[in-house]
Amino acid sequence: ETITIYKTLPEKLPEPYFYVSILSNNSLRTNLHELLPFLPIWVPHRKISQVLFGNRGAATITRVSQQFGNYVWATEFSNVHTTFEYQEPGFSIDNIFYYGPEQYYQLQKSKGMPDHQQALTAMQQCQDPLKAFSIGRSHSLRPDWDDQRSEVMHVCIDHKFRNDHLRALLRSTGSHLLVQVKPGDGYWGTGPDCNGANMLGVLLMELRSRVC
């Protein structure tokens, strides 16, 4: 199959595209090794998903694009990195250093609760976003969390994208839709039915319009 790759995104996309900076996954290295000399590049998301998850993965991308339209995404835009390797640059808020946005986000779940200090102590040693998720779930949940979680995420990405490289990558997406394909999350991603709120994409597009 011949695919079209881009160093710079065109104004009009023929299909959804995904930013690839390194081939961190064994399947990608095996099946897309011919792309190595061109990295970093934008690759059809359908192709990436097919390599990783077979025809089921490609079909998911098709359903998402039918629901949202043609979009772009990069693992750098996500807060948790399981399929693609990425080391978050980290940031400080109120003189506390966080290894990534997931650490800050999960810590805010227990803000104002009796065990919040315990959560803070655990989170300050946490470099793994998945472990941060576990810490967040193992401490008390503030009663207003559902109302506050989007504002907390807004703070996360505002600090994360003060990094020059990340801001330049966000700027490079132009006015394209940003969609996080995440079947397991119908709020921050696309959800199992490809009809999720995609709130991380929404917040990133709002940030892009303000700072880029």
N, C-alpha and C. Protein backbone atom coordinates (compact mmCIF):
# COMPACT_ATOMS: atom_id res chain seq x y z
N GLU A 1 0.84 -1.20 0.00
CA GLU A 1 0.00 0.00 0.00
C GLU A 1 0.88 1.25 0.00
N THR A 2 0.60 2.16 -0.89
CA THR A 2 1.30 3.44 -0.93
C THR A 2 0.57 4.43 -0.03
N ILE A 3 1.31 5.07 0.86
CA ILE A 3 0.71 6.05 1.76
C ILE A 3 1.38 7.41 1.54
N THR A 4 0.64 8.45 1.86
CA THR A 4 1.16 9.81 1.75
C THR A 4 1.57 10.29 3.13
N ILE A 5 2.83 10.70 3.26
CA ILE A 5 3.32 11.22 4.53
C ILE A 5 3.63 12.71 4.37
N TYR A 6 3.63 13.42 5.48
CA TYR A 6 3.86 14.86 5.44
C TYR A 6 4.89 15.27 6.48
N LYS A 7 5.78 16.16 6.08
CA LYS A 7 6.63 16.85 7.05
C LYS A 7 5.85 18.02 7.65
N THR A 8 5.09 18.68 6.80
CA THR A 8 4.22 19.77 7.22
C THR A 8 2.80 19.47 6.78
N LEU A 9 1.87 19.60 7.66
CA LEU A 9 0.48 19.27 7.33
C LEU A 9 -0.08 20.21 6.27
N PRO A 10 -0.81 19.66 5.30
CA PRO A 10 -1.47 20.52 4.31
C PRO A 10 -2.71 21.18 4.92
N GLU A 11 -3.23 22.16 4.23
CA GLU A 11 -4.42 22.84 4.73
C GLU A 11 -5.63 21.91 4.74
N LYS A 12 -5.69 21.01 3.75
CA LYS A 12 -6.79 20.06 3.67
C LYS A 12 -6.24 18.65 3.76
N LEU A 13 -6.79 17.87 4.66
CA LEU A 13 -6.31 16.51 4.89
C LEU A 13 -7.12 15.50 4.08
N PRO A 14 -6.44 14.50 3.48
CA PRO A 14 -7.18 13.44 2.78
C PRO A 14 -7.77 12.41 3.74
N GLU A 15 -7.21 12.34 4.96
CA GLU A 15 -7.66 11.40 5.99
C GLU A 15 -7.03 11.82 7.31
N PRO A 16 -7.37 11.18 8.44
CA PRO A 16 -6.75 11.54 9.71
C PRO A 16 -5.25 11.23 9.71
N TYR A 17 -4.48 12.06 10.43
CA TYR A 17 -3.03 11.88 10.48
C TYR A 17 -2.52 11.87 11.92
N PHE A 18 -1.43 11.12 12.10
CA PHE A 18 -0.82 10.95 13.42
C PHE A 18 0.66 11.31 13.33
N TYR A 19 1.14 12.06 14.31
CA TYR A 19 2.54 12.50 14.32
C TYR A 19 3.43 11.41 14.89
N VAL A 20 4.46 11.05 14.15
CA VAL A 20 5.39 10.01 14.59
C VAL A 20 6.79 10.62 14.65
N SER A 21 7.35 10.66 15.86
CA SER A 21 8.70 11.21 16.02
C SER A 21 9.74 10.11 16.14
N ILE A 22 9.36 8.97 16.75
CA ILE A 22 10.24 7.80 16.83
C ILE A 22 9.38 6.56 16.66
N LEU A 23 10.00 5.49 16.14
CA LEU A 23 9.30 4.20 16.04
C LEU A 23 9.61 3.41 17.30
N SER A 24 8.89 3.73 18.37
CA SER A 24 9.19 3.16 19.68
C SER A 24 8.60 1.77 19.87
N ASN A 25 7.66 1.41 19.04
CA ASN A 25 6.98 0.12 19.18
C ASN A 25 7.59 -0.89 18.21
N ASN A 26 7.77 -2.15 18.65
CA ASN A 26 8.38 -3.17 17.80
C ASN A 26 7.61 -3.38 16.51
N SER A 27 6.28 -3.38 16.58
CA SER A 27 5.47 -3.57 15.38
C SER A 27 5.70 -2.44 14.39
N LEU A 28 5.81 -1.22 14.90
CA LEU A 28 6.05 -0.08 14.02
C LEU A 28 7.42 -0.17 13.39
N ARG A 29 8.44 -0.55 14.17
CA ARG A 29 9.79 -0.66 13.63
C ARG A 29 9.87 -1.72 12.55
N THR A 30 9.12 -2.81 12.74
CA THR A 30 9.15 -3.90 11.78
C THR A 30 8.40 -3.54 10.50
N ASN A 31 7.25 -2.91 10.64
CA ASN A 31 6.38 -2.70 9.49
C ASN A 31 6.54 -1.33 8.83
N LEU A 32 7.15 -0.40 9.52
CA LEU A 32 7.29 0.95 8.97
C LEU A 32 8.75 1.40 8.97
N HIS A 33 9.66 0.45 8.91
CA HIS A 33 11.09 0.79 8.98
C HIS A 33 11.52 1.72 7.85
N GLU A 34 10.80 1.68 6.72
CA GLU A 34 11.17 2.53 5.60
C GLU A 34 10.94 4.01 5.89
N LEU A 35 10.19 4.30 6.96
CA LEU A 35 9.92 5.69 7.31
C LEU A 35 11.02 6.31 8.18
N LEU A 36 11.90 5.49 8.72
CA LEU A 36 12.92 5.97 9.66
C LEU A 36 13.71 7.18 9.15
N PRO A 37 14.16 7.18 7.89
CA PRO A 37 14.96 8.32 7.43
C PRO A 37 14.19 9.64 7.40
N PHE A 38 12.86 9.57 7.45
CA PHE A 38 12.05 10.78 7.29
C PHE A 38 11.53 11.36 8.60
N LEU A 39 11.70 10.64 9.68
CA LEU A 39 11.15 11.09 10.96
C LEU A 39 11.77 12.41 11.42
N PRO A 40 10.96 13.26 12.10
CA PRO A 40 9.55 13.10 12.45
C PRO A 40 8.64 13.47 11.28
N ILE A 41 7.51 12.76 11.18
CA ILE A 41 6.57 12.98 10.08
C ILE A 41 5.14 12.72 10.56
N TRP A 42 4.22 13.16 9.72
CA TRP A 42 2.80 12.86 9.92
C TRP A 42 2.43 11.70 9.02
N VAL A 43 1.84 10.67 9.62
CA VAL A 43 1.51 9.42 8.92
C VAL A 43 0.00 9.19 9.03
N PRO A 44 -0.63 8.61 8.01
CA PRO A 44 -2.06 8.31 8.14
C PRO A 44 -2.34 7.50 9.42
N HIS A 45 -3.26 7.98 10.23
CA HIS A 45 -3.56 7.30 11.48
C HIS A 45 -4.11 5.90 11.23
N ARG A 46 -4.81 5.75 10.14
CA ARG A 46 -5.34 4.42 9.77
C ARG A 46 -4.21 3.40 9.62
N LYS A 47 -3.11 3.83 9.00
CA LYS A 47 -1.97 2.93 8.80
C LYS A 47 -1.32 2.57 10.13
N ILE A 48 -1.12 3.55 10.97
CA ILE A 48 -0.53 3.31 12.29
C ILE A 48 -1.38 2.32 13.09
N SER A 49 -2.67 2.56 13.10
CA SER A 49 -3.58 1.72 13.87
C SER A 49 -3.67 0.30 13.29
N GLN A 50 -3.57 0.20 11.98
CA GLN A 50 -3.60 -1.13 11.36
C GLN A 50 -2.37 -1.94 11.72
N VAL A 51 -1.21 -1.28 11.73
CA VAL A 51 0.03 -1.96 12.11
C VAL A 51 -0.05 -2.45 13.55
N LEU A 52 -0.60 -1.64 14.42
CA LEU A 52 -0.64 -1.96 15.84
C LEU A 52 -1.76 -2.92 16.22
N PHE A 53 -2.93 -2.74 15.59
CA PHE A 53 -4.11 -3.48 16.04
C PHE A 53 -4.83 -4.24 14.93
N GLY A 54 -4.23 -4.30 13.75
CA GLY A 54 -4.84 -5.05 12.65
C GLY A 54 -6.01 -4.32 12.03
N ASN A 55 -6.83 -5.07 11.31
CA ASN A 55 -7.98 -4.47 10.61
C ASN A 55 -8.97 -3.82 11.57
N ARG A 56 -9.05 -4.36 12.78
CA ARG A 56 -9.94 -3.77 13.79
C ARG A 56 -9.49 -2.35 14.11
N GLY A 57 -8.18 -2.14 14.21
CA GLY A 57 -7.66 -0.80 14.49
C GLY A 57 -7.94 0.17 13.36
N ALA A 58 -7.73 -0.28 12.13
CA ALA A 58 -8.00 0.58 10.97
C ALA A 58 -9.48 0.93 10.90
N ALA A 59 -10.33 -0.04 11.22
CA ALA A 59 -11.78 0.20 11.18
C ALA A 59 -12.19 1.24 12.23
N THR A 60 -11.52 1.21 13.39
CA THR A 60 -11.82 2.20 14.43
C THR A 60 -11.53 3.61 13.94
N ILE A 61 -10.40 3.79 13.27
CA ILE A 61 -10.04 5.11 12.75
C ILE A 61 -11.06 5.57 11.71
N THR A 62 -11.52 4.65 10.90
CA THR A 62 -12.54 4.99 9.90
C THR A 62 -13.82 5.47 10.58
N ARG A 63 -14.23 4.76 11.64
CA ARG A 63 -15.45 5.16 12.35
C ARG A 63 -15.29 6.52 13.02
N VAL A 64 -14.12 6.74 13.60
CA VAL A 64 -13.87 8.03 14.26
C VAL A 64 -13.92 9.17 13.25
N SER A 65 -13.30 8.96 12.09
CA SER A 65 -13.28 10.03 11.07
C SER A 65 -14.68 10.27 10.51
N GLN A 66 -15.50 9.23 10.46
CA GLN A 66 -16.87 9.41 10.00
C GLN A 66 -17.66 10.25 11.00
N GLN A 67 -17.32 10.12 12.28
CA GLN A 67 -18.02 10.85 13.33
C GLN A 67 -17.50 12.28 13.48
N PHE A 68 -16.17 12.44 13.45
CA PHE A 68 -15.57 13.74 13.74
C PHE A 68 -15.08 14.47 12.49
N GLY A 69 -14.79 13.76 11.43
CA GLY A 69 -14.13 14.34 10.27
C GLY A 69 -12.63 14.05 10.34
N ASN A 70 -11.89 14.53 9.36
CA ASN A 70 -10.45 14.33 9.35
C ASN A 70 -9.79 15.15 10.46
N TYR A 71 -8.88 14.54 11.19
CA TYR A 71 -8.27 15.15 12.37
C TYR A 71 -6.79 14.82 12.40
N VAL A 72 -6.09 15.38 13.38
CA VAL A 72 -4.70 15.01 13.63
C VAL A 72 -4.52 14.77 15.12
N TRP A 73 -3.47 14.02 15.45
CA TRP A 73 -3.14 13.78 16.85
C TRP A 73 -1.68 13.39 16.95
N ALA A 74 -1.14 13.54 18.16
CA ALA A 74 0.24 13.13 18.46
C ALA A 74 0.26 12.58 19.87
N THR A 75 1.09 11.57 20.11
CA THR A 75 1.16 11.04 21.48
C THR A 75 1.60 12.12 22.45
N GLU A 76 2.36 13.12 21.96
CA GLU A 76 2.78 14.23 22.81
C GLU A 76 1.60 15.01 23.37
N PHE A 77 0.44 14.92 22.72
CA PHE A 77 -0.74 15.64 23.18
C PHE A 77 -1.47 14.91 24.30
N SER A 78 -1.24 13.61 24.42
CA SER A 78 -1.89 12.82 25.46
C SER A 78 -1.17 12.98 26.79
N ASN A 79 -1.83 12.57 27.86
CA ASN A 79 -1.22 12.63 29.19
C ASN A 79 -0.65 11.29 29.62
N VAL A 80 -1.15 10.20 29.05
CA VAL A 80 -0.67 8.86 29.36
C VAL A 80 -0.17 8.24 28.07
N HIS A 81 1.01 7.62 28.14
CA HIS A 81 1.66 7.10 26.93
C HIS A 81 1.91 5.60 27.10
N THR A 82 1.01 4.79 26.56
CA THR A 82 1.15 3.34 26.67
C THR A 82 1.60 2.70 25.36
N THR A 83 1.07 3.17 24.25
CA THR A 83 1.44 2.60 22.95
C THR A 83 2.72 3.21 22.41
N PHE A 84 2.91 4.51 22.63
CA PHE A 84 4.08 5.22 22.14
C PHE A 84 4.89 5.75 23.32
N GLU A 85 6.21 5.63 23.22
CA GLU A 85 7.07 6.16 24.26
C GLU A 85 7.17 7.68 24.16
N TYR A 86 7.03 8.33 25.29
CA TYR A 86 7.26 9.77 25.34
C TYR A 86 7.53 10.17 26.78
N GLN A 87 8.60 10.92 26.98
CA GLN A 87 8.95 11.40 28.31
C GLN A 87 8.46 12.83 28.47
N GLU A 88 7.48 13.01 29.33
CA GLU A 88 6.94 14.34 29.57
C GLU A 88 8.03 15.25 30.14
N PRO A 89 8.07 16.52 29.73
CA PRO A 89 9.10 17.43 30.24
C PRO A 89 8.89 17.85 31.69
N GLY A 90 7.64 17.73 32.19
CA GLY A 90 7.34 18.13 33.56
C GLY A 90 7.20 19.64 33.70
N PHE A 91 6.66 20.06 34.82
CA PHE A 91 6.45 21.49 35.09
C PHE A 91 6.23 21.68 36.59
N SER A 92 6.31 22.92 37.01
CA SER A 92 6.10 23.25 38.42
C SER A 92 4.88 24.14 38.57
N ILE A 93 4.08 23.88 39.61
CA ILE A 93 2.95 24.72 39.98
C ILE A 93 3.02 24.93 41.49
N ASP A 94 2.99 26.18 41.93
CA ASP A 94 3.06 26.51 43.35
C ASP A 94 4.27 25.86 44.02
N ASN A 95 5.40 25.91 43.32
CA ASN A 95 6.68 25.40 43.82
C ASN A 95 6.71 23.88 44.02
N ILE A 96 5.79 23.19 43.39
CA ILE A 96 5.80 21.72 43.41
C ILE A 96 6.05 21.23 41.99
N PHE A 97 7.04 20.36 41.82
CA PHE A 97 7.35 19.83 40.49
C PHE A 97 6.52 18.58 40.22
N TYR A 98 5.94 18.54 39.04
CA TYR A 98 5.17 17.38 38.59
C TYR A 98 5.85 16.80 37.34
N TYR A 99 6.01 15.49 37.33
CA TYR A 99 6.69 14.85 36.21
C TYR A 99 5.88 14.91 34.92
N GLY A 100 4.59 15.16 35.05
CA GLY A 100 3.75 15.28 33.87
C GLY A 100 2.35 15.71 34.26
N PRO A 101 1.49 16.00 33.28
CA PRO A 101 0.14 16.48 33.57
C PRO A 101 -0.72 15.46 34.31
N GLU A 102 -0.50 14.19 34.05
CA GLU A 102 -1.33 13.17 34.72
C GLU A 102 -1.10 13.21 36.22
N GLN A 103 0.13 13.47 36.64
CA GLN A 103 0.43 13.53 38.06
C GLN A 103 -0.34 14.68 38.73
N TYR A 104 -0.32 15.84 38.08
CA TYR A 104 -1.06 16.98 38.65
C TYR A 104 -2.56 16.70 38.64
N TYR A 105 -3.06 16.21 37.53
CA TYR A 105 -4.49 15.96 37.39
C TYR A 105 -5.00 14.98 38.45
N GLN A 106 -4.29 13.86 38.61
CA GLN A 106 -4.74 12.85 39.56
C GLN A 106 -4.64 13.33 41.00
N LEU A 107 -3.64 14.16 41.27
CA LEU A 107 -3.50 14.68 42.63
C LEU A 107 -4.67 15.58 43.02
N GLN A 108 -5.20 16.33 42.07
CA GLN A 108 -6.28 17.27 42.38
C GLN A 108 -7.57 16.57 42.75
N LYS A 109 -7.69 15.28 42.46
CA LYS A 109 -8.90 14.54 42.81
C LYS A 109 -9.15 14.54 44.32
N SER A 110 -8.07 14.55 45.10
CA SER A 110 -8.22 14.47 46.56
C SER A 110 -8.04 15.81 47.25
N LYS A 111 -7.93 16.89 46.49
CA LYS A 111 -7.71 18.21 47.09
C LYS A 111 -8.84 18.55 48.07
N GLY A 112 -8.46 18.96 49.27
CA GLY A 112 -9.44 19.30 50.30
C GLY A 112 -9.90 18.11 51.12
N MET A 113 -9.44 16.91 50.77
CA MET A 113 -9.83 15.71 51.50
C MET A 113 -8.77 15.37 52.55
N PRO A 114 -9.14 14.58 53.58
CA PRO A 114 -8.21 14.31 54.69
C PRO A 114 -6.91 13.62 54.26
N ASP A 115 -6.94 12.83 53.20
CA ASP A 115 -5.74 12.10 52.80
C ASP A 115 -5.00 12.76 51.63
N HIS A 116 -5.27 14.03 51.39
CA HIS A 116 -4.63 14.71 50.26
C HIS A 116 -3.12 14.81 50.44
N GLN A 117 -2.66 15.05 51.66
CA GLN A 117 -1.21 15.15 51.90
C GLN A 117 -0.52 13.82 51.60
N GLN A 118 -1.19 12.73 51.93
CA GLN A 118 -0.63 11.41 51.62
C GLN A 118 -0.52 11.22 50.10
N ALA A 119 -1.55 11.68 49.39
CA ALA A 119 -1.53 11.59 47.93
C ALA A 119 -0.40 12.44 47.36
N LEU A 120 -0.20 13.63 47.93
CA LEU A 120 0.87 14.51 47.46
C LEU A 120 2.23 13.88 47.66
N THR A 121 2.44 13.28 48.82
CA THR A 121 3.72 12.63 49.11
C THR A 121 4.00 11.51 48.10
N ALA A 122 2.98 10.71 47.82
CA ALA A 122 3.15 9.61 46.86
C ALA A 122 3.38 10.15 45.45
N MET A 123 2.67 11.21 45.09
CA MET A 123 2.75 11.72 43.72
C MET A 123 4.08 12.40 43.44
N GLN A 124 4.70 12.97 44.45
CA GLN A 124 5.98 13.65 44.23
C GLN A 124 7.09 12.68 43.84
N GLN A 125 6.89 11.41 44.14
CA GLN A 125 7.88 10.39 43.77
C GLN A 125 7.49 9.64 42.50
N CYS A 126 6.39 10.04 41.90
CA CYS A 126 5.80 9.26 40.81
C CYS A 126 6.18 9.84 39.44
N GLN A 127 6.88 9.04 38.63
CA GLN A 127 7.23 9.45 37.28
C GLN A 127 6.36 8.79 36.21
N ASP A 128 5.66 7.73 36.58
CA ASP A 128 4.87 6.94 35.64
C ASP A 128 3.41 7.42 35.64
N PRO A 129 2.90 7.86 34.47
CA PRO A 129 1.50 8.31 34.42
C PRO A 129 0.49 7.24 34.84
N LEU A 130 0.77 5.99 34.52
CA LEU A 130 -0.14 4.91 34.92
C LEU A 130 -0.16 4.73 36.43
N LYS A 131 1.01 4.87 37.05
CA LYS A 131 1.05 4.79 38.51
C LYS A 131 0.33 5.99 39.12
N ALA A 132 0.46 7.16 38.47
CA ALA A 132 -0.25 8.35 38.96
C ALA A 132 -1.75 8.12 38.94
N PHE A 133 -2.23 7.45 37.89
CA PHE A 133 -3.65 7.11 37.79
C PHE A 133 -4.07 6.23 38.97
N SER A 134 -3.21 5.27 39.30
CA SER A 134 -3.49 4.36 40.42
C SER A 134 -3.51 5.12 41.75
N ILE A 135 -2.59 6.05 41.93
CA ILE A 135 -2.56 6.84 43.15
C ILE A 135 -3.84 7.68 43.27
N GLY A 136 -4.24 8.27 42.16
CA GLY A 136 -5.45 9.08 42.18
C GLY A 136 -6.68 8.28 42.58
N ARG A 137 -6.75 7.04 42.12
CA ARG A 137 -7.91 6.18 42.42
C ARG A 137 -7.87 5.62 43.84
N SER A 138 -6.70 5.61 44.45
CA SER A 138 -6.56 4.99 45.78
C SER A 138 -6.74 5.99 46.92
N HIS A 139 -7.03 7.24 46.59
CA HIS A 139 -7.28 8.25 47.62
C HIS A 139 -8.69 8.83 47.46
N SER A 140 -9.10 9.59 48.44
CA SER A 140 -10.47 10.10 48.47
C SER A 140 -10.76 11.00 47.27
N LEU A 141 -11.99 10.95 46.80
CA LEU A 141 -12.41 11.78 45.67
C LEU A 141 -13.22 12.96 46.18
N ARG A 142 -12.79 14.16 45.87
CA ARG A 142 -13.50 15.36 46.30
C ARG A 142 -14.91 15.38 45.71
N PRO A 143 -15.89 15.88 46.43
CA PRO A 143 -17.28 15.79 45.98
C PRO A 143 -17.59 16.61 44.73
N ASP A 144 -16.78 17.62 44.44
CA ASP A 144 -17.07 18.46 43.28
C ASP A 144 -16.22 18.10 42.06
N TRP A 145 -15.65 16.89 42.06
CA TRP A 145 -14.67 16.54 41.03
C TRP A 145 -15.25 16.62 39.61
N ASP A 146 -16.43 16.08 39.42
CA ASP A 146 -17.01 16.09 38.07
C ASP A 146 -17.17 17.50 37.53
N ASP A 147 -17.43 18.45 38.42
CA ASP A 147 -17.60 19.84 38.00
C ASP A 147 -16.26 20.53 37.75
N GLN A 148 -15.21 20.05 38.41
CA GLN A 148 -13.92 20.74 38.37
C GLN A 148 -12.88 20.09 37.45
N ARG A 149 -13.13 18.87 36.98
CA ARG A 149 -12.07 18.15 36.27
C ARG A 149 -11.63 18.83 34.97
N SER A 150 -12.54 19.48 34.28
CA SER A 150 -12.14 20.15 33.04
C SER A 150 -11.26 21.36 33.34
N GLU A 151 -11.57 22.09 34.39
CA GLU A 151 -10.74 23.23 34.77
C GLU A 151 -9.35 22.77 35.22
N VAL A 152 -9.31 21.64 35.94
CA VAL A 152 -8.02 21.08 36.34
C VAL A 152 -7.20 20.70 35.12
N MET A 153 -7.83 20.08 34.14
CA MET A 153 -7.11 19.71 32.92
C MET A 153 -6.64 20.95 32.17
N HIS A 154 -7.45 21.99 32.20
CA HIS A 154 -7.05 23.25 31.58
C HIS A 154 -5.73 23.75 32.18
N VAL A 155 -5.62 23.68 33.50
CA VAL A 155 -4.38 24.08 34.17
C VAL A 155 -3.22 23.18 33.74
N CYS A 156 -3.49 21.87 33.66
CA CYS A 156 -2.47 20.90 33.24
C CYS A 156 -1.87 21.27 31.89
N ILE A 157 -2.72 21.42 30.90
CA ILE A 157 -2.20 21.62 29.55
C ILE A 157 -1.62 23.02 29.38
N ASP A 158 -2.14 23.99 30.13
CA ASP A 158 -1.58 25.33 30.06
C ASP A 158 -0.11 25.31 30.47
N HIS A 159 0.21 24.57 31.52
CA HIS A 159 1.60 24.48 31.98
C HIS A 159 2.42 23.54 31.09
N LYS A 160 1.85 22.45 30.68
CA LYS A 160 2.58 21.50 29.84
C LYS A 160 3.03 22.16 28.54
N PHE A 161 2.16 22.93 27.92
CA PHE A 161 2.46 23.50 26.61
C PHE A 161 3.17 24.85 26.69
N ARG A 162 3.75 25.15 27.84
CA ARG A 162 4.71 26.24 27.91
C ARG A 162 6.08 25.77 27.42
N ASN A 163 6.22 24.46 27.29
CA ASN A 163 7.43 23.89 26.69
C ASN A 163 7.50 24.28 25.22
N ASP A 164 8.65 24.79 24.79
CA ASP A 164 8.78 25.33 23.43
C ASP A 164 8.51 24.28 22.36
N HIS A 165 9.04 23.07 22.53
CA HIS A 165 8.84 22.03 21.52
C HIS A 165 7.37 21.65 21.41
N LEU A 166 6.71 21.48 22.55
CA LEU A 166 5.31 21.10 22.53
C LEU A 166 4.43 22.20 21.95
N ARG A 167 4.75 23.43 22.29
CA ARG A 167 3.95 24.53 21.74
C ARG A 167 4.13 24.62 20.22
N ALA A 168 5.36 24.39 19.74
CA ALA A 168 5.60 24.42 18.30
C ALA A 168 4.85 23.28 17.60
N LEU A 169 4.80 22.11 18.24
CA LEU A 169 4.07 20.98 17.66
C LEU A 169 2.58 21.29 17.61
N LEU A 170 2.04 21.87 18.67
CA LEU A 170 0.63 22.25 18.69
C LEU A 170 0.35 23.29 17.60
N ARG A 171 1.24 24.24 17.47
CA ARG A 171 1.08 25.28 16.45
C ARG A 171 1.10 24.68 15.04
N SER A 172 1.88 23.63 14.85
CA SER A 172 2.02 23.03 13.52
C SER A 172 0.74 22.35 13.04
N THR A 173 -0.21 22.14 13.94
CA THR A 173 -1.47 21.50 13.55
C THR A 173 -2.44 22.49 12.90
N GLY A 174 -2.07 23.76 12.85
CA GLY A 174 -2.90 24.75 12.17
C GLY A 174 -4.29 24.84 12.77
N SER A 175 -5.28 24.72 11.91
CA SER A 175 -6.67 24.78 12.36
C SER A 175 -7.35 23.41 12.30
N HIS A 176 -6.54 22.35 12.17
CA HIS A 176 -7.11 21.01 12.07
C HIS A 176 -7.75 20.56 13.38
N LEU A 177 -8.74 19.72 13.26
CA LEU A 177 -9.36 19.11 14.42
C LEU A 177 -8.33 18.28 15.17
N LEU A 178 -8.40 18.31 16.50
CA LEU A 178 -7.57 17.46 17.34
C LEU A 178 -8.48 16.46 18.03
N VAL A 179 -8.24 15.19 17.77
CA VAL A 179 -9.11 14.15 18.32
C VAL A 179 -8.25 13.05 18.95
N GLN A 180 -8.51 12.78 20.23
CA GLN A 180 -7.82 11.70 20.92
C GLN A 180 -8.65 10.42 20.79
N VAL A 181 -8.17 9.49 19.99
CA VAL A 181 -8.87 8.22 19.82
C VAL A 181 -8.58 7.37 21.06
N LYS A 182 -9.55 7.26 21.91
CA LYS A 182 -9.40 6.55 23.18
C LYS A 182 -10.70 5.83 23.48
N PRO A 183 -10.84 4.59 22.99
CA PRO A 183 -12.11 3.86 23.15
C PRO A 183 -12.53 3.66 24.60
N GLY A 184 -11.56 3.65 25.52
CA GLY A 184 -11.89 3.41 26.92
C GLY A 184 -12.30 4.65 27.69
N ASP A 185 -12.35 5.78 27.03
CA ASP A 185 -12.65 7.03 27.74
C ASP A 185 -13.58 7.89 26.89
N GLY A 186 -14.83 7.96 27.29
CA GLY A 186 -15.82 8.72 26.53
C GLY A 186 -15.87 10.18 26.88
N TYR A 187 -15.08 10.60 27.87
CA TYR A 187 -15.05 12.02 28.22
C TYR A 187 -13.83 12.71 27.62
N TRP A 188 -12.64 12.22 27.92
CA TRP A 188 -11.43 12.83 27.39
C TRP A 188 -11.12 12.37 25.98
N GLY A 189 -11.68 11.24 25.57
CA GLY A 189 -11.42 10.69 24.25
C GLY A 189 -12.69 10.42 23.47
N THR A 190 -12.59 9.46 22.54
CA THR A 190 -13.70 9.18 21.63
C THR A 190 -14.69 8.18 22.19
N GLY A 191 -14.28 7.40 23.21
CA GLY A 191 -15.19 6.43 23.79
C GLY A 191 -15.36 5.20 22.94
N PRO A 192 -16.07 4.20 23.46
CA PRO A 192 -16.22 2.92 22.75
C PRO A 192 -17.08 2.99 21.49
N ASP A 193 -17.95 3.99 21.43
CA ASP A 193 -18.85 4.10 20.27
C ASP A 193 -18.41 5.21 19.31
N CYS A 194 -17.18 5.72 19.53
CA CYS A 194 -16.64 6.80 18.69
C CYS A 194 -17.50 8.06 18.73
N ASN A 195 -18.22 8.21 19.82
CA ASN A 195 -19.11 9.36 19.95
C ASN A 195 -18.85 10.09 21.27
N GLY A 196 -17.59 9.99 21.76
CA GLY A 196 -17.24 10.60 23.03
C GLY A 196 -17.10 12.11 22.93
N ALA A 197 -16.90 12.74 24.08
CA ALA A 197 -16.81 14.20 24.14
C ALA A 197 -15.48 14.74 23.63
N ASN A 198 -14.42 13.90 23.64
CA ASN A 198 -13.10 14.33 23.15
C ASN A 198 -12.66 15.63 23.82
N MET A 199 -12.86 15.70 25.14
CA MET A 199 -12.61 16.97 25.83
C MET A 199 -11.14 17.36 25.85
N LEU A 200 -10.21 16.40 25.82
CA LEU A 200 -8.80 16.80 25.77
C LEU A 200 -8.51 17.49 24.44
N GLY A 201 -9.05 16.95 23.35
CA GLY A 201 -8.90 17.60 22.06
C GLY A 201 -9.53 18.98 22.05
N VAL A 202 -10.70 19.11 22.66
CA VAL A 202 -11.39 20.40 22.71
C VAL A 202 -10.56 21.44 23.46
N LEU A 203 -10.03 21.04 24.62
CA LEU A 203 -9.24 21.98 25.41
C LEU A 203 -7.95 22.37 24.70
N LEU A 204 -7.34 21.41 24.00
CA LEU A 204 -6.12 21.73 23.26
C LEU A 204 -6.39 22.67 22.09
N MET A 205 -7.52 22.50 21.43
CA MET A 205 -7.87 23.43 20.36
C MET A 205 -8.13 24.83 20.91
N GLU A 206 -8.75 24.91 22.08
CA GLU A 206 -8.97 26.21 22.71
C GLU A 206 -7.63 26.84 23.08
N LEU A 207 -6.72 26.03 23.63
CA LEU A 207 -5.40 26.54 23.98
C LEU A 207 -4.66 27.02 22.73
N ARG A 208 -4.72 26.24 21.68
CA ARG A 208 -4.06 26.60 20.42
C ARG A 208 -4.56 27.95 19.90
N SER A 209 -5.85 28.18 20.01
CA SER A 209 -6.42 29.44 19.51
C SER A 209 -5.95 30.64 20.33
N ARG A 210 -5.59 30.40 21.59
CA ARG A 210 -5.14 31.50 22.46
C ARG A 210 -3.65 31.79 22.34
N VAL A 211 -2.84 30.74 22.27
CA VAL A 211 -1.39 30.95 22.41
C VAL A 211 -0.61 30.76 21.11
N CYS A 212 -1.25 30.19 20.10
CA CYS A 212 -0.53 29.90 18.86
C CYS A 212 -0.99 30.82 17.73
